[in-house]
């Protein structure tokens, strides 16, 4: 089912708003060679090295576009992962903070362990959302999941000390 979001009738949003703050990264994750999730790990982070063409003293050479083709492994697209990596990383992040509360490493209050945010997403999706009003020629599909259940799992947890 595909639906569209009308950007021309903005009067329907009058009076309702959320606080807009600068996005911040609070966690990251990687997948290893076997596509196993590594929460809070930058193990598979790739670096970009700009081409050296035209640099003084550097011989011009064409990049090999087939590099890595022989070692490429197609991942299983039949497994529908949805938000698994993002949510598992969010859970690991909160568990790490909760461990600091119990272990006394840093002074972190239990109330600050939960990530409080109106939107949690990948950086690329946020870029698409913010630039959609300026791009008349491209279209894209985006799925959203709205969690409206509010609960406090730490309410019954005794406070340390």
N, C-alpha and C. Protein backbone atom coordinates (compact mmCIF):
# COMPACT_ATOMS: atom_id res chain seq x y z
N UNK A 1 0.84 -1.16 0.00
CA UNK A 1 0.00 0.00 0.00
C UNK A 1 0.89 1.24 0.00
N UNK A 2 0.72 2.08 -0.97
CA UNK A 2 1.49 3.31 -1.08
C UNK A 2 0.59 4.49 -0.81
N UNK A 3 1.05 5.40 0.01
CA UNK A 3 0.30 6.62 0.26
C UNK A 3 1.23 7.81 0.07
N UNK A 4 0.65 8.96 -0.12
CA UNK A 4 1.45 10.15 -0.34
C UNK A 4 1.22 11.13 0.80
N UNK A 5 2.15 12.00 0.98
CA UNK A 5 2.08 13.00 2.04
C UNK A 5 2.00 14.36 1.36
N UNK A 6 0.87 15.02 1.51
CA UNK A 6 0.63 16.30 0.86
C UNK A 6 1.39 17.41 1.59
N UNK A 7 2.27 18.10 0.87
CA UNK A 7 3.04 19.18 1.47
C UNK A 7 2.41 20.55 1.25
N UNK A 8 1.32 20.62 0.51
CA UNK A 8 0.74 21.92 0.19
C UNK A 8 -0.24 22.41 1.24
N UNK A 9 -0.93 21.54 1.94
CA UNK A 9 -1.91 21.94 2.94
C UNK A 9 -1.26 21.90 4.33
N UNK A 10 -0.52 22.95 4.67
CA UNK A 10 0.22 22.97 5.93
C UNK A 10 -0.59 23.52 7.09
N UNK A 11 -1.81 24.03 6.83
CA UNK A 11 -2.65 24.57 7.90
C UNK A 11 -3.05 23.50 8.91
N UNK A 12 -3.07 22.25 8.50
CA UNK A 12 -3.48 21.18 9.41
C UNK A 12 -2.48 20.96 10.54
N UNK A 13 -1.28 21.51 10.39
CA UNK A 13 -0.26 21.34 11.42
C UNK A 13 -0.18 22.54 12.36
N UNK A 14 -1.03 23.53 12.18
CA UNK A 14 -0.99 24.73 13.02
C UNK A 14 -1.27 24.36 14.47
N UNK A 15 -0.43 24.85 15.36
CA UNK A 15 -0.63 24.61 16.79
C UNK A 15 0.03 23.36 17.32
N UNK A 16 0.36 22.41 16.47
CA UNK A 16 1.04 21.20 16.95
C UNK A 16 2.48 21.23 16.48
N UNK A 17 3.38 20.99 17.39
CA UNK A 17 4.79 20.99 17.00
C UNK A 17 5.58 20.17 18.01
N UNK A 18 6.76 19.86 17.63
CA UNK A 18 7.70 19.18 18.51
C UNK A 18 8.93 20.05 18.60
N UNK A 19 9.67 19.89 19.64
CA UNK A 19 10.88 20.71 19.76
C UNK A 19 11.91 20.20 18.77
N UNK A 20 12.44 21.10 17.99
CA UNK A 20 13.44 20.75 16.99
C UNK A 20 14.81 21.07 17.58
N UNK A 21 15.61 20.05 17.68
CA UNK A 21 16.97 20.22 18.18
C UNK A 21 17.92 19.63 17.16
N UNK A 22 19.16 19.97 17.31
CA UNK A 22 20.18 19.43 16.43
C UNK A 22 20.26 17.92 16.64
N UNK A 23 20.21 17.14 15.57
CA UNK A 23 20.32 15.69 15.73
C UNK A 23 21.67 15.32 16.35
N UNK A 24 21.66 14.28 17.14
CA UNK A 24 22.91 13.82 17.73
C UNK A 24 22.99 12.30 17.60
N UNK A 25 24.18 11.85 17.39
CA UNK A 25 24.42 10.41 17.33
C UNK A 25 24.65 9.91 18.75
N UNK A 26 23.90 8.90 19.15
CA UNK A 26 24.12 8.35 20.49
C UNK A 26 24.62 6.92 20.42
N UNK A 27 24.50 6.27 19.29
CA UNK A 27 24.96 4.89 19.17
C UNK A 27 25.26 4.58 17.71
N UNK A 28 26.00 3.53 17.51
CA UNK A 28 26.30 3.06 16.16
C UNK A 28 26.48 1.54 16.23
N UNK A 29 26.41 0.90 15.07
CA UNK A 29 26.58 -0.54 15.04
C UNK A 29 27.21 -0.95 13.73
N UNK A 30 27.70 -2.17 13.70
CA UNK A 30 28.33 -2.72 12.50
C UNK A 30 27.81 -4.12 12.26
N UNK A 31 27.95 -4.55 11.04
CA UNK A 31 27.74 -5.95 10.68
C UNK A 31 29.09 -6.50 10.25
N UNK A 32 29.43 -7.71 10.69
CA UNK A 32 30.70 -8.30 10.28
C UNK A 32 30.53 -9.00 8.93
N UNK A 33 31.55 -9.75 8.53
CA UNK A 33 31.54 -10.41 7.22
C UNK A 33 30.42 -11.42 7.07
N UNK A 34 29.96 -12.00 8.18
CA UNK A 34 28.88 -12.98 8.12
C UNK A 34 27.52 -12.34 8.42
N UNK A 35 27.47 -11.03 8.41
CA UNK A 35 26.26 -10.23 8.66
C UNK A 35 25.70 -10.45 10.06
N UNK A 36 26.62 -10.59 11.02
CA UNK A 36 26.25 -10.69 12.43
C UNK A 36 26.31 -9.29 13.02
N UNK A 37 25.28 -8.90 13.74
CA UNK A 37 25.20 -7.56 14.31
C UNK A 37 26.22 -7.38 15.43
N UNK A 38 26.91 -6.26 15.42
CA UNK A 38 27.86 -5.88 16.47
C UNK A 38 27.41 -4.53 17.03
N UNK A 39 26.52 -4.54 18.06
CA UNK A 39 26.04 -3.27 18.61
C UNK A 39 27.16 -2.46 19.24
N UNK A 40 27.08 -1.15 19.11
CA UNK A 40 28.04 -0.21 19.69
C UNK A 40 29.46 -0.49 19.23
N UNK A 41 29.62 -0.95 18.00
CA UNK A 41 30.93 -1.27 17.45
C UNK A 41 31.13 -0.55 16.13
N UNK A 42 32.32 -0.01 15.95
CA UNK A 42 32.68 0.62 14.68
C UNK A 42 33.62 -0.29 13.90
N UNK A 43 33.54 -1.59 14.17
CA UNK A 43 34.43 -2.59 13.60
C UNK A 43 34.43 -2.58 12.07
N UNK A 44 33.27 -2.42 11.47
CA UNK A 44 33.17 -2.49 10.01
C UNK A 44 33.09 -1.12 9.36
N UNK A 45 33.47 -0.10 10.08
CA UNK A 45 33.41 1.26 9.55
C UNK A 45 34.40 1.40 8.40
N UNK A 46 33.91 1.88 7.29
CA UNK A 46 34.76 2.08 6.12
C UNK A 46 35.24 3.53 6.08
N UNK A 47 36.36 3.71 5.50
CA UNK A 47 36.90 5.05 5.35
C UNK A 47 36.93 5.41 3.88
N UNK A 48 36.73 6.67 3.59
CA UNK A 48 36.77 7.14 2.22
C UNK A 48 38.11 7.80 1.98
N UNK A 49 38.79 7.36 0.94
CA UNK A 49 40.04 7.97 0.53
C UNK A 49 39.81 8.61 -0.82
N UNK A 50 39.93 9.93 -0.91
CA UNK A 50 39.68 10.58 -2.20
C UNK A 50 40.72 10.15 -3.23
N UNK A 51 40.33 10.12 -4.50
CA UNK A 51 41.28 9.74 -5.54
C UNK A 51 42.40 10.77 -5.65
N UNK A 52 43.56 10.28 -6.01
CA UNK A 52 44.73 11.15 -6.10
C UNK A 52 44.96 11.67 -7.51
N UNK A 53 43.98 11.55 -8.39
CA UNK A 53 44.19 12.00 -9.76
C UNK A 53 44.37 13.51 -9.79
N UNK A 54 45.36 13.94 -10.53
CA UNK A 54 45.63 15.37 -10.68
C UNK A 54 46.49 15.95 -9.58
N UNK A 55 46.84 15.16 -8.58
CA UNK A 55 47.69 15.66 -7.50
C UNK A 55 49.13 15.74 -8.01
N UNK A 56 49.85 16.79 -7.64
CA UNK A 56 51.23 16.92 -8.12
C UNK A 56 52.10 15.77 -7.60
N UNK A 57 52.89 15.20 -8.50
CA UNK A 57 53.79 14.13 -8.14
C UNK A 57 53.16 12.76 -8.05
N UNK A 58 51.88 12.64 -8.40
CA UNK A 58 51.20 11.36 -8.33
C UNK A 58 50.84 10.92 -9.74
N UNK A 59 51.20 9.69 -10.06
CA UNK A 59 50.91 9.16 -11.39
C UNK A 59 49.41 8.89 -11.51
N UNK A 60 48.82 9.37 -12.61
CA UNK A 60 47.39 9.14 -12.83
C UNK A 60 47.14 7.67 -13.16
N UNK A 61 46.19 7.08 -12.51
CA UNK A 61 45.79 5.72 -12.83
C UNK A 61 44.28 5.63 -12.67
N UNK A 62 43.70 4.76 -13.46
CA UNK A 62 42.25 4.59 -13.41
C UNK A 62 41.90 3.58 -12.31
N UNK A 63 40.84 3.87 -11.56
CA UNK A 63 40.46 2.91 -10.51
C UNK A 63 39.92 1.62 -11.11
N UNK A 64 40.19 0.52 -10.44
CA UNK A 64 39.70 -0.79 -10.87
C UNK A 64 38.29 -0.99 -10.32
N UNK A 65 37.28 -0.86 -11.16
CA UNK A 65 35.90 -0.96 -10.72
C UNK A 65 35.48 -2.39 -10.39
N UNK A 66 36.29 -3.37 -10.78
CA UNK A 66 35.95 -4.76 -10.45
C UNK A 66 36.68 -5.24 -9.18
N UNK A 67 37.37 -4.35 -8.50
CA UNK A 67 38.07 -4.74 -7.27
C UNK A 67 37.06 -5.20 -6.24
N UNK A 68 37.30 -6.34 -5.63
CA UNK A 68 36.40 -6.89 -4.62
C UNK A 68 35.27 -7.72 -5.17
N UNK A 69 35.13 -7.80 -6.48
CA UNK A 69 34.03 -8.55 -7.08
C UNK A 69 34.13 -10.04 -6.77
N UNK A 70 35.34 -10.58 -6.77
CA UNK A 70 35.53 -12.02 -6.53
C UNK A 70 35.24 -12.40 -5.08
N UNK A 71 35.44 -11.49 -4.15
CA UNK A 71 35.23 -11.79 -2.73
C UNK A 71 33.85 -11.34 -2.24
N UNK A 72 33.04 -10.77 -3.11
CA UNK A 72 31.71 -10.27 -2.72
C UNK A 72 30.80 -11.42 -2.33
N UNK A 73 30.08 -11.26 -1.21
CA UNK A 73 29.10 -12.26 -0.78
C UNK A 73 27.73 -11.60 -0.73
N UNK A 74 26.80 -12.15 -1.48
CA UNK A 74 25.43 -11.63 -1.49
C UNK A 74 24.75 -12.04 -0.19
N UNK A 75 24.18 -11.09 0.51
CA UNK A 75 23.49 -11.44 1.75
C UNK A 75 22.08 -11.92 1.44
N UNK A 76 21.51 -12.65 2.37
CA UNK A 76 20.20 -13.25 2.19
C UNK A 76 19.12 -12.18 2.30
N UNK A 77 18.51 -11.81 1.18
CA UNK A 77 17.47 -10.79 1.17
C UNK A 77 16.11 -11.33 1.60
N UNK A 78 15.99 -12.66 1.76
CA UNK A 78 14.71 -13.22 2.16
C UNK A 78 14.43 -12.97 3.64
N UNK A 79 15.47 -12.67 4.42
CA UNK A 79 15.30 -12.36 5.84
C UNK A 79 14.92 -10.89 5.96
N UNK A 80 13.76 -10.64 6.53
CA UNK A 80 13.26 -9.28 6.67
C UNK A 80 13.69 -8.74 8.02
N UNK A 81 14.71 -7.89 8.04
CA UNK A 81 15.30 -7.44 9.30
C UNK A 81 14.60 -6.23 9.91
N UNK A 82 13.93 -5.46 9.11
CA UNK A 82 13.23 -4.25 9.57
C UNK A 82 14.14 -3.40 10.45
N UNK A 83 13.76 -3.23 11.69
CA UNK A 83 14.48 -2.36 12.61
C UNK A 83 15.34 -3.14 13.60
N UNK A 84 15.59 -4.41 13.34
CA UNK A 84 16.28 -5.26 14.31
C UNK A 84 17.62 -4.69 14.75
N UNK A 85 18.47 -4.32 13.81
CA UNK A 85 19.79 -3.79 14.15
C UNK A 85 19.71 -2.51 14.96
N UNK A 86 18.82 -1.62 14.56
CA UNK A 86 18.66 -0.35 15.26
C UNK A 86 18.13 -0.55 16.68
N UNK A 87 17.11 -1.40 16.83
CA UNK A 87 16.52 -1.62 18.15
C UNK A 87 17.44 -2.41 19.07
N UNK A 88 18.16 -3.40 18.54
CA UNK A 88 19.12 -4.15 19.36
C UNK A 88 20.24 -3.24 19.86
N UNK A 89 20.68 -2.32 19.00
CA UNK A 89 21.72 -1.38 19.40
C UNK A 89 21.20 -0.41 20.45
N UNK A 90 19.97 0.05 20.28
CA UNK A 90 19.35 0.93 21.28
C UNK A 90 19.26 0.22 22.63
N UNK A 91 18.88 -1.05 22.62
CA UNK A 91 18.81 -1.82 23.86
C UNK A 91 20.20 -1.98 24.49
N UNK A 92 21.20 -2.29 23.67
CA UNK A 92 22.56 -2.45 24.19
C UNK A 92 23.08 -1.14 24.77
N UNK A 93 22.75 -0.02 24.14
CA UNK A 93 23.16 1.29 24.63
C UNK A 93 22.56 1.57 26.01
N UNK A 94 21.27 1.31 26.15
CA UNK A 94 20.60 1.54 27.44
C UNK A 94 21.12 0.58 28.51
N UNK A 95 21.41 -0.67 28.14
CA UNK A 95 21.97 -1.62 29.11
C UNK A 95 23.36 -1.20 29.56
N UNK A 96 24.14 -0.63 28.65
CA UNK A 96 25.47 -0.14 29.01
C UNK A 96 25.36 1.00 30.01
N UNK A 97 24.44 1.93 29.76
CA UNK A 97 24.24 3.03 30.71
C UNK A 97 23.72 2.52 32.04
N UNK A 98 22.82 1.54 32.01
CA UNK A 98 22.28 0.99 33.25
C UNK A 98 23.37 0.28 34.05
N UNK A 99 24.31 -0.37 33.34
CA UNK A 99 25.44 -1.01 34.01
C UNK A 99 26.33 0.01 34.71
N UNK A 100 26.46 1.20 34.12
CA UNK A 100 27.24 2.25 34.76
C UNK A 100 26.55 2.75 36.02
N UNK A 101 25.22 2.77 36.01
CA UNK A 101 24.48 3.20 37.20
C UNK A 101 24.71 2.21 38.33
N UNK A 102 24.58 0.91 38.02
CA UNK A 102 24.74 -0.12 39.04
C UNK A 102 26.18 -0.31 39.47
N UNK A 103 27.12 -0.11 38.53
CA UNK A 103 28.53 -0.34 38.83
C UNK A 103 29.22 0.83 39.48
N UNK A 104 28.60 1.99 39.46
CA UNK A 104 29.19 3.16 40.08
C UNK A 104 30.35 3.76 39.31
N UNK A 105 30.52 3.39 38.02
CA UNK A 105 31.61 3.94 37.22
C UNK A 105 31.45 5.44 37.03
N UNK A 106 30.31 5.85 36.54
CA UNK A 106 29.99 7.26 36.33
C UNK A 106 28.72 7.58 37.09
N UNK A 107 28.53 8.82 37.38
CA UNK A 107 27.30 9.23 38.03
C UNK A 107 26.24 9.46 36.97
N UNK A 108 25.41 8.46 36.74
CA UNK A 108 24.33 8.53 35.78
C UNK A 108 23.05 8.18 36.52
N UNK A 109 22.05 9.03 36.40
CA UNK A 109 20.77 8.76 37.06
C UNK A 109 19.99 7.75 36.24
N UNK A 110 19.22 6.90 36.93
CA UNK A 110 18.44 5.87 36.26
C UNK A 110 17.45 6.51 35.28
N UNK A 111 16.90 7.66 35.61
CA UNK A 111 15.95 8.33 34.72
C UNK A 111 16.59 8.74 33.41
N UNK A 112 17.91 8.94 33.40
CA UNK A 112 18.60 9.36 32.18
C UNK A 112 19.08 8.18 31.34
N UNK A 113 18.80 6.96 31.78
CA UNK A 113 19.24 5.79 31.04
C UNK A 113 18.42 5.61 29.77
N UNK A 114 17.12 5.84 29.85
CA UNK A 114 16.25 5.67 28.69
C UNK A 114 16.54 6.77 27.67
N UNK A 115 16.60 6.39 26.41
CA UNK A 115 16.77 7.37 25.35
C UNK A 115 15.42 8.03 25.11
N UNK A 116 15.36 9.33 25.31
CA UNK A 116 14.12 10.05 25.07
C UNK A 116 14.29 10.86 23.80
N UNK A 117 13.53 10.49 22.79
CA UNK A 117 13.61 11.16 21.50
C UNK A 117 12.27 11.05 20.81
N UNK A 118 11.95 12.04 20.01
CA UNK A 118 10.72 11.99 19.23
C UNK A 118 10.92 11.14 17.98
N UNK A 119 12.13 11.16 17.43
CA UNK A 119 12.43 10.41 16.21
C UNK A 119 13.78 9.73 16.38
N UNK A 120 13.82 8.44 16.10
CA UNK A 120 15.09 7.70 16.05
C UNK A 120 15.16 7.09 14.66
N UNK A 121 16.21 7.41 13.93
CA UNK A 121 16.31 6.94 12.55
C UNK A 121 17.77 6.89 12.13
N UNK A 122 17.99 6.43 10.93
CA UNK A 122 19.31 6.43 10.34
C UNK A 122 19.57 7.81 9.76
N UNK A 123 20.85 8.17 9.67
CA UNK A 123 21.24 9.48 9.15
C UNK A 123 20.73 9.71 7.73
N UNK A 124 20.79 8.69 6.89
CA UNK A 124 20.35 8.84 5.51
C UNK A 124 18.86 9.10 5.38
N UNK A 125 18.07 8.50 6.26
CA UNK A 125 16.63 8.75 6.22
C UNK A 125 16.31 10.16 6.67
N UNK A 126 17.02 10.67 7.65
CA UNK A 126 16.79 12.03 8.10
C UNK A 126 17.15 13.02 7.00
N UNK A 127 18.19 12.73 6.25
CA UNK A 127 18.56 13.59 5.12
C UNK A 127 17.44 13.62 4.10
N UNK A 128 16.85 12.47 3.79
CA UNK A 128 15.73 12.43 2.84
C UNK A 128 14.54 13.24 3.34
N UNK A 129 14.23 13.11 4.62
CA UNK A 129 13.09 13.85 5.18
C UNK A 129 13.32 15.35 5.08
N UNK A 130 14.52 15.81 5.41
CA UNK A 130 14.80 17.23 5.44
C UNK A 130 14.95 17.86 4.06
N UNK A 131 15.28 17.07 3.06
CA UNK A 131 15.47 17.63 1.72
C UNK A 131 14.30 17.40 0.79
N UNK A 132 13.25 16.71 1.23
CA UNK A 132 12.14 16.39 0.33
C UNK A 132 11.42 17.64 -0.18
N UNK A 133 11.36 18.68 0.60
CA UNK A 133 10.67 19.90 0.17
C UNK A 133 11.41 20.62 -0.94
N UNK A 134 12.68 20.34 -1.11
CA UNK A 134 13.49 21.03 -2.11
C UNK A 134 13.76 20.19 -3.35
N UNK A 135 13.28 18.97 -3.38
CA UNK A 135 13.54 18.06 -4.50
C UNK A 135 12.22 17.71 -5.17
N UNK A 136 11.93 18.39 -6.28
CA UNK A 136 10.67 18.18 -6.98
C UNK A 136 10.69 16.98 -7.93
N UNK A 137 11.87 16.48 -8.26
CA UNK A 137 11.97 15.50 -9.33
C UNK A 137 12.15 14.07 -8.85
N UNK A 138 12.60 13.88 -7.65
CA UNK A 138 12.84 12.53 -7.15
C UNK A 138 11.74 12.13 -6.19
N UNK A 139 11.42 10.86 -6.20
CA UNK A 139 10.49 10.35 -5.20
C UNK A 139 11.16 9.18 -4.49
N UNK A 140 10.68 8.88 -3.32
CA UNK A 140 11.24 7.77 -2.56
C UNK A 140 10.16 7.19 -1.68
N UNK A 141 10.40 5.98 -1.23
CA UNK A 141 9.47 5.31 -0.32
C UNK A 141 10.10 5.23 1.05
N UNK A 142 9.28 5.45 2.07
CA UNK A 142 9.78 5.36 3.43
C UNK A 142 8.68 4.75 4.29
N UNK A 143 9.03 3.79 5.09
CA UNK A 143 8.10 3.20 6.05
C UNK A 143 8.39 3.76 7.42
N UNK A 144 7.37 3.98 8.21
CA UNK A 144 7.54 4.50 9.56
C UNK A 144 6.79 3.61 10.54
N UNK A 145 7.34 3.46 11.70
CA UNK A 145 6.70 2.71 12.78
C UNK A 145 6.51 3.66 13.95
N UNK A 146 5.30 3.75 14.43
CA UNK A 146 4.98 4.66 15.53
C UNK A 146 4.74 3.84 16.80
N UNK A 147 5.56 4.08 17.79
CA UNK A 147 5.39 3.42 19.08
C UNK A 147 4.74 4.42 20.02
N UNK A 148 3.52 4.13 20.45
CA UNK A 148 2.81 5.05 21.31
C UNK A 148 2.69 4.56 22.74
N UNK A 149 3.18 3.38 23.01
CA UNK A 149 3.09 2.82 24.36
C UNK A 149 4.16 3.49 25.22
N UNK A 150 3.74 4.07 26.32
CA UNK A 150 4.68 4.69 27.24
C UNK A 150 4.65 3.92 28.55
N UNK A 151 5.79 3.41 28.92
CA UNK A 151 5.88 2.68 30.18
C UNK A 151 7.24 2.95 30.79
N UNK A 152 7.36 2.69 32.06
CA UNK A 152 8.61 2.91 32.78
C UNK A 152 9.08 1.58 33.36
N UNK A 153 9.95 0.85 32.65
CA UNK A 153 10.40 -0.45 33.14
C UNK A 153 11.28 -0.33 34.38
N UNK A 154 11.79 0.87 34.67
CA UNK A 154 12.68 1.05 35.81
C UNK A 154 11.91 1.51 37.05
N UNK A 155 10.58 1.65 36.95
CA UNK A 155 9.79 2.15 38.08
C UNK A 155 9.86 1.20 39.27
N UNK A 156 9.92 -0.10 39.03
CA UNK A 156 9.96 -1.07 40.13
C UNK A 156 11.38 -1.41 40.54
N UNK A 157 12.36 -0.93 39.80
CA UNK A 157 13.75 -1.21 40.12
C UNK A 157 14.18 -0.33 41.29
N UNK A 158 14.70 -0.93 42.37
CA UNK A 158 15.13 -0.10 43.50
C UNK A 158 16.33 0.75 43.11
N UNK A 159 16.35 1.96 43.59
CA UNK A 159 17.46 2.86 43.30
C UNK A 159 18.67 2.46 44.12
N UNK A 160 19.87 2.49 43.49
CA UNK A 160 21.08 2.10 44.22
C UNK A 160 21.38 3.08 45.35
N UNK A 161 21.94 2.55 46.42
CA UNK A 161 22.39 3.40 47.51
C UNK A 161 21.40 3.41 48.57
